[in-house]
Full PDB file with SEQRES, HELIX, SHEET, SSBOND, CRYST1, ORIGX, SCALE, CONECT and MASTER records, all heavy atoms in Angstrom:
SEQRES   1 A   37  GLU LEU ASP ASP THR VAL TYR ASP SER MET ARG GLN GLY          
SEQRES   2 A   37  VAL ALA ARG ALA LEU HIS ASP GLU ALA ASP PHE GLY CYS          
SEQRES   3 A   37  ALA THR SER PHE GLY GLU TRP GLN GLN ASP ILE                  
HELIX    1 AA1 ASP A    4  PHE A   24  1                                  21    
CRYST1    1.000    1.000    1.000  90.00  90.00  90.00 P 1           1          
ORIGX1      1.000000  0.000000  0.000000        0.00000                         
ORIGX2      0.000000  1.000000  0.000000        0.00000                         
ORIGX3      0.000000  0.000000  1.000000        0.00000                         
SCALE1      1.000000  0.000000  0.000000        0.00000                         
SCALE2      0.000000  1.000000  0.000000        0.00000                         
SCALE3      0.000000  0.000000  1.000000        0.00000                         
ATOM      1  N   GLU A   1     106.011  91.334  53.536  1.00  0.00           N  
ATOM      2  CA  GLU A   1     106.461  92.406  54.511  1.00  0.00           C  
ATOM      3  C   GLU A   1     107.985  92.273  54.730  1.00  0.00           C  
ATOM      4  O   GLU A   1     108.586  93.307  55.178  1.00  0.00           O  
ATOM      5  CB  GLU A   1     105.704  92.216  55.796  1.00  0.00           C  
ATOM      6  CG  GLU A   1     104.217  92.604  55.659  1.00  0.00           C  
ATOM      7  CD  GLU A   1     103.462  92.275  56.967  1.00  0.00           C  
ATOM      8  OE1 GLU A   1     104.100  91.739  57.958  1.00  0.00           O  
ATOM      9  OE2 GLU A   1     102.258  92.543  57.033  1.00  0.00           O  
ATOM     10  N   LEU A   2     108.563  91.085  54.540  1.00  0.00           N  
ATOM     11  CA  LEU A   2     110.009  90.938  54.778  1.00  0.00           C  
ATOM     12  C   LEU A   2     110.825  91.509  53.637  1.00  0.00           C  
ATOM     13  O   LEU A   2     111.515  92.516  53.789  1.00  0.00           O  
ATOM     14  CB  LEU A   2     110.270  89.487  54.999  1.00  0.00           C  
ATOM     15  CG  LEU A   2     109.652  88.837  56.299  1.00  0.00           C  
ATOM     16  CD1 LEU A   2     109.972  87.386  56.330  1.00  0.00           C  
ATOM     17  CD2 LEU A   2     110.055  89.579  57.538  1.00  0.00           C  
ATOM     18  N   ASP A   3     110.755  90.850  52.494  1.00  0.00           N  
ATOM     19  CA  ASP A   3     111.376  91.461  51.244  1.00  0.00           C  
ATOM     20  C   ASP A   3     110.894  90.682  50.040  1.00  0.00           C  
ATOM     21  O   ASP A   3     110.201  89.652  50.202  1.00  0.00           O  
ATOM     22  CB  ASP A   3     112.939  91.458  51.330  1.00  0.00           C  
ATOM     23  CG  ASP A   3     113.489  90.061  51.594  1.00  0.00           C  
ATOM     24  OD1 ASP A   3     113.164  89.171  50.740  1.00  0.00           O  
ATOM     25  OD2 ASP A   3     114.299  89.859  52.478  1.00  0.00           O  
ATOM     26  N   ASP A   4     111.267  91.158  48.872  1.00  0.00           N  
ATOM     27  CA  ASP A   4     110.773  90.545  47.611  1.00  0.00           C  
ATOM     28  C   ASP A   4     111.282  89.131  47.461  1.00  0.00           C  
ATOM     29  O   ASP A   4     110.591  88.305  46.864  1.00  0.00           O  
ATOM     30  CB  ASP A   4     111.131  91.435  46.431  1.00  0.00           C  
ATOM     31  CG  ASP A   4     110.407  92.774  46.419  1.00  0.00           C  
ATOM     32  OD1 ASP A   4     109.297  92.812  47.039  1.00  0.00           O  
ATOM     33  OD2 ASP A   4     110.829  93.675  45.704  1.00  0.00           O  
ATOM     34  N   THR A   5     112.504  88.923  47.921  1.00  0.00           N  
ATOM     35  CA  THR A   5     113.119  87.587  47.750  1.00  0.00           C  
ATOM     36  C   THR A   5     112.304  86.503  48.506  1.00  0.00           C  
ATOM     37  O   THR A   5     111.994  85.421  47.979  1.00  0.00           O  
ATOM     38  CB  THR A   5     114.544  87.541  48.238  1.00  0.00           C  
ATOM     39  OG1 THR A   5     115.311  88.513  47.464  1.00  0.00           O  
ATOM     40  CG2 THR A   5     115.198  86.195  48.033  1.00  0.00           C  
ATOM     41  N   VAL A   6     111.949  86.829  49.768  1.00  0.00           N  
ATOM     42  CA  VAL A   6     111.126  85.924  50.583  1.00  0.00           C  
ATOM     43  C   VAL A   6     109.789  85.649  49.914  1.00  0.00           C  
ATOM     44  O   VAL A   6     109.255  84.621  49.828  1.00  0.00           O  
ATOM     45  CB  VAL A   6     110.998  86.477  52.018  1.00  0.00           C  
ATOM     46  CG1 VAL A   6     110.117  85.555  52.809  1.00  0.00           C  
ATOM     47  CG2 VAL A   6     112.402  86.548  52.659  1.00  0.00           C  
ATOM     48  N   TYR A   7     109.185  86.829  49.427  1.00  0.00           N  
ATOM     49  CA  TYR A   7     107.867  86.751  48.838  1.00  0.00           C  
ATOM     50  C   TYR A   7     107.891  85.858  47.590  1.00  0.00           C  
ATOM     51  O   TYR A   7     107.018  85.008  47.381  1.00  0.00           O  
ATOM     52  CB  TYR A   7     107.338  88.159  48.493  1.00  0.00           C  
ATOM     53  CG  TYR A   7     106.079  88.189  47.735  1.00  0.00           C  
ATOM     54  CD1 TYR A   7     104.926  87.756  48.373  1.00  0.00           C  
ATOM     55  CD2 TYR A   7     105.994  88.618  46.445  1.00  0.00           C  
ATOM     56  CE1 TYR A   7     103.648  87.782  47.629  1.00  0.00           C  
ATOM     57  CE2 TYR A   7     104.819  88.604  45.737  1.00  0.00           C  
ATOM     58  CZ  TYR A   7     103.636  88.219  46.362  1.00  0.00           C  
ATOM     59  OH  TYR A   7     102.441  88.175  45.686  1.00  0.00           O  
ATOM     60  N   ASP A   8     108.907  86.094  46.707  1.00  0.00           N  
ATOM     61  CA  ASP A   8     109.000  85.261  45.464  1.00  0.00           C  
ATOM     62  C   ASP A   8     109.183  83.804  45.799  1.00  0.00           C  
ATOM     63  O   ASP A   8     108.600  82.923  45.186  1.00  0.00           O  
ATOM     64  CB  ASP A   8     110.168  85.750  44.577  1.00  0.00           C  
ATOM     65  CG  ASP A   8     109.810  87.123  43.966  1.00  0.00           C  
ATOM     66  OD1 ASP A   8     108.631  87.496  43.941  1.00  0.00           O  
ATOM     67  OD2 ASP A   8     110.808  87.841  43.550  1.00  0.00           O  
ATOM     68  N   SER A   9     110.019  83.530  46.802  1.00  0.00           N  
ATOM     69  CA  SER A   9     110.200  82.121  47.241  1.00  0.00           C  
ATOM     70  C   SER A   9     108.955  81.536  47.769  1.00  0.00           C  
ATOM     71  O   SER A   9     108.609  80.323  47.429  1.00  0.00           O  
ATOM     72  CB  SER A   9     111.331  82.123  48.345  1.00  0.00           C  
ATOM     73  OG  SER A   9     111.451  80.806  48.815  1.00  0.00           O  
ATOM     74  N   MET A  10     108.167  82.281  48.520  1.00  0.00           N  
ATOM     75  CA  MET A  10     106.917  81.720  49.044  1.00  0.00           C  
ATOM     76  C   MET A  10     105.902  81.503  47.902  1.00  0.00           C  
ATOM     77  O   MET A  10     105.159  80.503  47.949  1.00  0.00           O  
ATOM     78  CB  MET A  10     106.339  82.711  50.099  1.00  0.00           C  
ATOM     79  CG  MET A  10     105.181  82.121  50.868  1.00  0.00           C  
ATOM     80  SD  MET A  10     105.704  80.606  51.836  1.00  0.00           S  
ATOM     81  CE  MET A  10     106.730  81.429  53.067  1.00  0.00           C  
ATOM     82  N   ARG A  11     105.838  82.407  46.952  1.00  0.00           N  
ATOM     83  CA  ARG A  11     104.939  82.180  45.844  1.00  0.00           C  
ATOM     84  C   ARG A  11     105.249  80.919  45.031  1.00  0.00           C  
ATOM     85  O   ARG A  11     104.411  80.134  44.690  1.00  0.00           O  
ATOM     86  CB  ARG A  11     104.964  83.426  44.901  1.00  0.00           C  
ATOM     87  CG  ARG A  11     104.151  84.628  45.310  1.00  0.00           C  
ATOM     88  CD  ARG A  11     103.914  85.581  44.134  1.00  0.00           C  
ATOM     89  NE  ARG A  11     105.179  85.937  43.462  1.00  0.00           N  
ATOM     90  CZ  ARG A  11     105.422  85.615  42.244  1.00  0.00           C  
ATOM     91  NH1 ARG A  11     104.607  84.860  41.533  1.00  0.00           N  
ATOM     92  NH2 ARG A  11     106.562  85.984  41.699  1.00  0.00           N  
ATOM     93  N   GLN A  12     106.553  80.732  44.875  1.00  0.00           N  
ATOM     94  CA  GLN A  12     107.033  79.511  44.167  1.00  0.00           C  
ATOM     95  C   GLN A  12     106.696  78.267  44.988  1.00  0.00           C  
ATOM     96  O   GLN A  12     106.381  77.226  44.480  1.00  0.00           O  
ATOM     97  CB  GLN A  12     108.519  79.618  43.915  1.00  0.00           C  
ATOM     98  CG  GLN A  12     108.864  80.720  42.846  1.00  0.00           C  
ATOM     99  CD  GLN A  12     110.407  80.982  42.741  1.00  0.00           C  
ATOM    100  OE1 GLN A  12     111.186  80.164  43.114  1.00  0.00           O  
ATOM    101  NE2 GLN A  12     110.730  82.049  42.163  1.00  0.00           N  
ATOM    102  N   GLY A  13     106.872  78.443  46.329  1.00  0.00           N  
ATOM    103  CA  GLY A  13     106.584  77.288  47.214  1.00  0.00           C  
ATOM    104  C   GLY A  13     105.079  76.874  47.176  1.00  0.00           C  
ATOM    105  O   GLY A  13     104.755  75.712  47.166  1.00  0.00           O  
ATOM    106  N   VAL A  14     104.222  77.886  47.135  1.00  0.00           N  
ATOM    107  CA  VAL A  14     102.793  77.603  47.087  1.00  0.00           C  
ATOM    108  C   VAL A  14     102.450  76.890  45.746  1.00  0.00           C  
ATOM    109  O   VAL A  14     101.747  75.935  45.716  1.00  0.00           O  
ATOM    110  CB  VAL A  14     101.995  78.909  47.225  1.00  0.00           C  
ATOM    111  CG1 VAL A  14     100.538  78.637  46.874  1.00  0.00           C  
ATOM    112  CG2 VAL A  14     102.100  79.470  48.600  1.00  0.00           C  
ATOM    113  N   ALA A  15     103.027  77.403  44.663  1.00  0.00           N  
ATOM    114  CA  ALA A  15     102.781  76.777  43.318  1.00  0.00           C  
ATOM    115  C   ALA A  15     103.257  75.395  43.286  1.00  0.00           C  
ATOM    116  O   ALA A  15     102.631  74.464  42.774  1.00  0.00           O  
ATOM    117  CB  ALA A  15     103.410  77.655  42.245  1.00  0.00           C  
ATOM    118  N   ARG A  16     104.481  75.133  43.829  1.00  0.00           N  
ATOM    119  CA  ARG A  16     105.035  73.742  43.892  1.00  0.00           C  
ATOM    120  C   ARG A  16     104.152  72.868  44.717  1.00  0.00           C  
ATOM    121  O   ARG A  16     103.926  71.649  44.434  1.00  0.00           O  
ATOM    122  CB  ARG A  16     106.448  73.851  44.382  1.00  0.00           C  
ATOM    123  CG  ARG A  16     107.088  72.491  44.723  1.00  0.00           C  
ATOM    124  CD  ARG A  16     107.353  71.648  43.534  1.00  0.00           C  
ATOM    125  NE  ARG A  16     107.921  70.391  43.898  1.00  0.00           N  
ATOM    126  CZ  ARG A  16     109.172  70.228  44.159  1.00  0.00           C  
ATOM    127  NH1 ARG A  16     110.059  71.214  44.059  1.00  0.00           N  
ATOM    128  NH2 ARG A  16     109.642  68.993  44.571  1.00  0.00           N  
ATOM    129  N   ALA A  17     103.690  73.382  45.860  1.00  0.00           N  
ATOM    130  CA  ALA A  17     102.854  72.608  46.781  1.00  0.00           C  
ATOM    131  C   ALA A  17     101.610  72.118  46.121  1.00  0.00           C  
ATOM    132  O   ALA A  17     101.242  70.970  46.201  1.00  0.00           O  
ATOM    133  CB  ALA A  17     102.494  73.420  48.028  1.00  0.00           C  
ATOM    134  N   LEU A  18     100.938  73.015  45.382  1.00  0.00           N  
ATOM    135  CA  LEU A  18      99.658  72.665  44.720  1.00  0.00           C  
ATOM    136  C   LEU A  18      99.941  71.682  43.539  1.00  0.00           C  
ATOM    137  O   LEU A  18      99.140  70.746  43.357  1.00  0.00           O  
ATOM    138  CB  LEU A  18      98.995  73.946  44.201  1.00  0.00           C  
ATOM    139  CG  LEU A  18      98.550  74.880  45.347  1.00  0.00           C  
ATOM    140  CD1 LEU A  18      98.006  76.176  44.664  1.00  0.00           C  
ATOM    141  CD2 LEU A  18      97.484  74.253  46.242  1.00  0.00           C  
ATOM    142  N   HIS A  19     101.100  71.883  42.885  1.00  0.00           N  
ATOM    143  CA  HIS A  19     101.422  70.988  41.755  1.00  0.00           C  
ATOM    144  C   HIS A  19     101.674  69.561  42.313  1.00  0.00           C  
ATOM    145  O   HIS A  19     101.229  68.560  41.792  1.00  0.00           O  
ATOM    146  CB  HIS A  19     102.671  71.499  41.063  1.00  0.00           C  
ATOM    147  CG  HIS A  19     103.079  70.740  39.865  1.00  0.00           C  
ATOM    148  ND1 HIS A  19     103.865  69.645  39.891  1.00  0.00           N  
ATOM    149  CD2 HIS A  19     102.690  70.890  38.511  1.00  0.00           C  
ATOM    150  CE1 HIS A  19     104.038  69.158  38.664  1.00  0.00           C  
ATOM    151  NE2 HIS A  19     103.312  69.901  37.834  1.00  0.00           N  
ATOM    152  N   ASP A  20     102.496  69.441  43.354  1.00  0.00           N  
ATOM    153  CA  ASP A  20     102.833  68.147  43.947  1.00  0.00           C  
ATOM    154  C   ASP A  20     101.541  67.424  44.477  1.00  0.00           C  
ATOM    155  O   ASP A  20     101.417  66.280  44.289  1.00  0.00           O  
ATOM    156  CB  ASP A  20     103.846  68.297  45.083  1.00  0.00           C  
ATOM    157  CG  ASP A  20     105.252  68.312  44.606  1.00  0.00           C  
ATOM    158  OD1 ASP A  20     105.486  68.157  43.384  1.00  0.00           O  
ATOM    159  OD2 ASP A  20     106.139  68.411  45.446  1.00  0.00           O  
ATOM    160  N   GLU A  21     100.706  68.225  45.122  1.00  0.00           N  
ATOM    161  CA  GLU A  21      99.502  67.651  45.689  1.00  0.00           C  
ATOM    162  C   GLU A  21      98.626  67.036  44.554  1.00  0.00           C  
ATOM    163  O   GLU A  21      98.036  66.012  44.777  1.00  0.00           O  
ATOM    164  CB  GLU A  21      98.733  68.758  46.477  1.00  0.00           C  
ATOM    165  CG  GLU A  21      97.425  68.264  47.053  1.00  0.00           C  
ATOM    166  CD  GLU A  21      97.583  67.164  48.128  1.00  0.00           C  
ATOM    167  OE1 GLU A  21      98.625  67.155  48.783  1.00  0.00           O  
ATOM    168  OE2 GLU A  21      96.605  66.424  48.317  1.00  0.00           O  
ATOM    169  N   ALA A  22      98.547  67.732  43.445  1.00  0.00           N  
ATOM    170  CA  ALA A  22      97.651  67.221  42.349  1.00  0.00           C  
ATOM    171  C   ALA A  22      98.342  66.015  41.697  1.00  0.00           C  
ATOM    172  O   ALA A  22      97.637  65.070  41.273  1.00  0.00           O  
ATOM    173  CB  ALA A  22      97.608  68.326  41.262  1.00  0.00           C  
ATOM    174  N   ASP A  23      99.705  66.005  41.626  1.00  0.00           N  
ATOM    175  CA  ASP A  23     100.381  64.841  40.905  1.00  0.00           C  
ATOM    176  C   ASP A  23     100.578  63.617  41.860  1.00  0.00           C  
ATOM    177  O   ASP A  23     100.416  62.526  41.383  1.00  0.00           O  
ATOM    178  CB  ASP A  23     101.758  65.285  40.453  1.00  0.00           C  
ATOM    179  CG  ASP A  23     101.682  66.141  39.196  1.00  0.00           C  
ATOM    180  OD1 ASP A  23     100.570  66.333  38.678  1.00  0.00           O  
ATOM    181  OD2 ASP A  23     102.710  66.648  38.753  1.00  0.00           O  
ATOM    182  N   PHE A  24     100.864  63.852  43.096  1.00  0.00           N  
ATOM    183  CA  PHE A  24     101.291  62.736  43.990  1.00  0.00           C  
ATOM    184  C   PHE A  24     100.402  62.560  45.226  1.00  0.00           C  
ATOM    185  O   PHE A  24     100.495  61.528  45.859  1.00  0.00           O  
ATOM    186  CB  PHE A  24     102.725  62.925  44.526  1.00  0.00           C  
ATOM    187  CG  PHE A  24     103.755  63.186  43.361  1.00  0.00           C  
ATOM    188  CD1 PHE A  24     104.383  64.362  43.293  1.00  0.00           C  
ATOM    189  CD2 PHE A  24     103.967  62.151  42.426  1.00  0.00           C  
ATOM    190  CE1 PHE A  24     105.349  64.551  42.259  1.00  0.00           C  
ATOM    191  CE2 PHE A  24     104.930  62.361  41.409  1.00  0.00           C  
ATOM    192  CZ  PHE A  24     105.585  63.558  41.343  1.00  0.00           C  
ATOM    193  N   GLY A  25      99.588  63.599  45.586  1.00  0.00           N  
ATOM    194  CA  GLY A  25      98.819  63.512  46.824  1.00  0.00           C  
ATOM    195  C   GLY A  25      99.693  63.749  47.996  1.00  0.00           C  
ATOM    196  O   GLY A  25      99.272  63.425  49.155  1.00  0.00           O  
ATOM    197  N   CYS A  26     100.922  64.326  47.835  1.00  0.00           N  
ATOM    198  CA  CYS A  26     101.828  64.658  48.870  1.00  0.00           C  
ATOM    199  C   CYS A  26     102.774  65.703  48.368  1.00  0.00           C  
ATOM    200  O   CYS A  26     102.825  65.972  47.156  1.00  0.00           O  
ATOM    201  CB  CYS A  26     102.566  63.442  49.404  1.00  0.00           C  
ATOM    202  SG  CYS A  26     103.745  62.770  48.188  1.00  0.00           S  
ATOM    203  N   ALA A  27     103.524  66.272  49.261  1.00  0.00           N  
ATOM    204  CA  ALA A  27     104.643  67.192  48.848  1.00  0.00           C  
ATOM    205  C   ALA A  27     105.952  66.438  48.781  1.00  0.00           C  
ATOM    206  O   ALA A  27     106.177  65.459  49.496  1.00  0.00           O  
ATOM    207  CB  ALA A  27     104.761  68.318  49.848  1.00  0.00           C  
ATOM    208  N   THR A  28     106.808  66.913  47.945  1.00  0.00           N  
ATOM    209  CA  THR A  28     108.112  66.225  47.740  1.00  0.00           C  
ATOM    210  C   THR A  28     109.244  67.171  47.841  1.00  0.00           C  
ATOM    211  O   THR A  28     109.153  68.355  47.580  1.00  0.00           O  
ATOM    212  CB  THR A  28     108.145  65.572  46.333  1.00  0.00           C  
ATOM    213  OG1 THR A  28     108.203  66.563  45.338  1.00  0.00           O  
ATOM    214  CG2 THR A  28     106.954  64.644  46.109  1.00  0.00           C  
ATOM    215  N   SER A  29     110.460  66.598  48.222  1.00  0.00           N  
ATOM    216  CA  SER A  29     111.719  67.380  48.243  1.00  0.00           C  
ATOM    217  C   SER A  29     112.802  66.377  47.995  1.00  0.00           C  
ATOM    218  O   SER A  29     113.135  65.560  48.911  1.00  0.00           O  
ATOM    219  CB  SER A  29     111.873  68.081  49.597  1.00  0.00           C  
ATOM    220  OG  SER A  29     113.136  68.752  49.587  1.00  0.00           O  
ATOM    221  N   PHE A  30     113.330  66.376  46.824  1.00  0.00           N  
ATOM    222  CA  PHE A  30     114.376  65.483  46.510  1.00  0.00           C  
ATOM    223  C   PHE A  30     115.643  66.239  46.209  1.00  0.00           C  
ATOM    224  O   PHE A  30     115.916  66.772  45.171  1.00  0.00           O  
ATOM    225  CB  PHE A  30     113.972  64.647  45.213  1.00  0.00           C  
ATOM    226  CG  PHE A  30     112.715  63.908  45.343  1.00  0.00           C  
ATOM    227  CD1 PHE A  30     111.640  64.074  44.436  1.00  0.00           C  
ATOM    228  CD2 PHE A  30     112.547  63.016  46.429  1.00  0.00           C  
ATOM    229  CE1 PHE A  30     110.484  63.395  44.623  1.00  0.00           C  
ATOM    230  CE2 PHE A  30     111.350  62.355  46.579  1.00  0.00           C  
ATOM    231  CZ  PHE A  30     110.325  62.443  45.712  1.00  0.00           C  
ATOM    232  N   GLY A  31     116.467  66.387  47.299  1.00  0.00           N  
ATOM    233  CA  GLY A  31     117.725  67.054  47.221  1.00  0.00           C  
ATOM    234  C   GLY A  31     117.571  68.617  47.176  1.00  0.00           C  
ATOM    235  O   GLY A  31     118.579  69.259  46.812  1.00  0.00           O  
ATOM    236  N   GLU A  32     116.403  69.134  47.548  1.00  0.00           N  
ATOM    237  CA  GLU A  32     116.179  70.563  47.474  1.00  0.00           C  
ATOM    238  C   GLU A  32     116.355  71.195  48.837  1.00  0.00           C  
ATOM    239  O   GLU A  32     117.109  72.196  48.949  1.00  0.00           O  
ATOM    240  CB  GLU A  32     114.765  70.882  46.986  1.00  0.00           C  
ATOM    241  CG  GLU A  32     114.491  70.331  45.579  1.00  0.00           C  
ATOM    242  CD  GLU A  32     112.990  70.169  45.308  1.00  0.00           C  
ATOM    243  OE1 GLU A  32     112.331  71.218  45.497  1.00  0.00           O  
ATOM    244  OE2 GLU A  32     112.545  69.084  44.984  1.00  0.00           O  
ATOM    245  N   TRP A  33     115.755  70.667  49.860  1.00  0.00           N  
ATOM    246  CA  TRP A  33     115.920  71.211  51.248  1.00  0.00           C  
ATOM    247  C   TRP A  33     117.353  71.091  51.695  1.00  0.00           C  
ATOM    248  O   TRP A  33     117.919  72.042  52.128  1.00  0.00           O  
ATOM    249  CB  TRP A  33     114.966  70.481  52.207  1.00  0.00           C  
ATOM    250  CG  TRP A  33     115.163  70.876  53.613  1.00  0.00           C  
ATOM    251  CD1 TRP A  33     115.036  72.079  54.193  1.00  0.00           C  
ATOM    252  CD2 TRP A  33     115.658  70.003  54.652  1.00  0.00           C  
ATOM    253  NE1 TRP A  33     115.387  72.048  55.513  1.00  0.00           N  
ATOM    254  CE2 TRP A  33     115.798  70.773  55.840  1.00  0.00           C  
ATOM    255  CE3 TRP A  33     116.030  68.680  54.717  1.00  0.00           C  
ATOM    256  CZ2 TRP A  33     116.210  70.241  57.044  1.00  0.00           C  
ATOM    257  CZ3 TRP A  33     116.412  68.113  55.906  1.00  0.00           C  
ATOM    258  CH2 TRP A  33     116.574  68.903  57.049  1.00  0.00           C  
ATOM    259  N   GLN A  34     117.902  69.856  51.540  1.00  0.00           N  
ATOM    260  CA  GLN A  34     119.348  69.654  51.653  1.00  0.00           C  
ATOM    261  C   GLN A  34     119.703  68.708  50.511  1.00  0.00           C  
ATOM    262  O   GLN A  34     119.024  67.847  50.110  1.00  0.00           O  
ATOM    263  CB  GLN A  34     119.695  69.025  52.986  1.00  0.00           C  
ATOM    264  CG  GLN A  34     119.519  70.001  54.182  1.00  0.00           C  
ATOM    265  CD  GLN A  34     120.050  69.423  55.511  1.00  0.00           C  
ATOM    266  OE1 GLN A  34     120.794  68.434  55.488  1.00  0.00           O  
ATOM    267  NE2 GLN A  34     119.659  70.088  56.602  1.00  0.00           N  
ATOM    268  N   GLN A  35     120.911  68.973  50.007  1.00  0.00           N  
ATOM    269  CA  GLN A  35     121.344  68.323  48.668  1.00  0.00           C  
ATOM    270  C   GLN A  35     121.300  66.789  48.845  1.00  0.00           C  
ATOM    271  O   GLN A  35     120.971  66.074  47.908  1.00  0.00           O  
ATOM    272  CB  GLN A  35     122.716  68.786  48.362  1.00  0.00           C  
ATOM    273  CG  GLN A  35     123.167  68.280  47.046  1.00  0.00           C  
ATOM    274  CD  GLN A  35     124.508  68.875  46.603  1.00  0.00           C  
ATOM    275  OE1 GLN A  35     125.140  69.626  47.345  1.00  0.00           O  
ATOM    276  NE2 GLN A  35     124.990  68.569  45.403  1.00  0.00           N  
ATOM    277  N   ASP A  36     121.638  66.261  50.032  1.00  0.00           N  
ATOM    278  CA  ASP A  36     121.691  64.795  50.142  1.00  0.00           C  
ATOM    279  C   ASP A  36     120.536  64.162  50.901  1.00  0.00           C  
ATOM    280  O   ASP A  36     120.612  63.052  51.397  1.00  0.00           O  
ATOM    281  CB  ASP A  36     122.942  64.408  50.802  1.00  0.00           C  
ATOM    282  CG  ASP A  36     123.122  65.061  52.230  1.00  0.00           C  
ATOM    283  OD1 ASP A  36     122.342  66.020  52.491  1.00  0.00           O  
ATOM    284  OD2 ASP A  36     124.004  64.648  53.020  1.00  0.00           O  
ATOM    285  N   ILE A  37     119.410  64.884  50.974  1.00  0.00           N  
ATOM    286  CA  ILE A  37     118.198  64.419  51.680  1.00  0.00           C  
ATOM    287  C   ILE A  37     117.003  64.344  50.754  1.00  0.00           C  
ATOM    288  O   ILE A  37     116.733  65.286  50.024  1.00  0.00           O  
ATOM    289  CB  ILE A  37     117.865  65.309  52.880  1.00  0.00           C  
ATOM    290  CG1 ILE A  37     119.072  65.420  53.865  1.00  0.00           C  
ATOM    291  CG2 ILE A  37     116.612  64.843  53.566  1.00  0.00           C  
ATOM    292  CD1 ILE A  37     119.437  64.087  54.489  1.00  0.00           C  
TER     293      ILE A  37                                                      
MASTER        0    0    0    1    0    0    0    6  292    1    0    3          
END                                                                             
């Protein structure tokens, strides 16, 4: 409902979430949310 960019980002986020959960049993963010975090 917001825009296509937000929707595409959310779709990618869901796919990444399921992938991380299958691989690690947790979600990961290595320098993505903030470059140095």
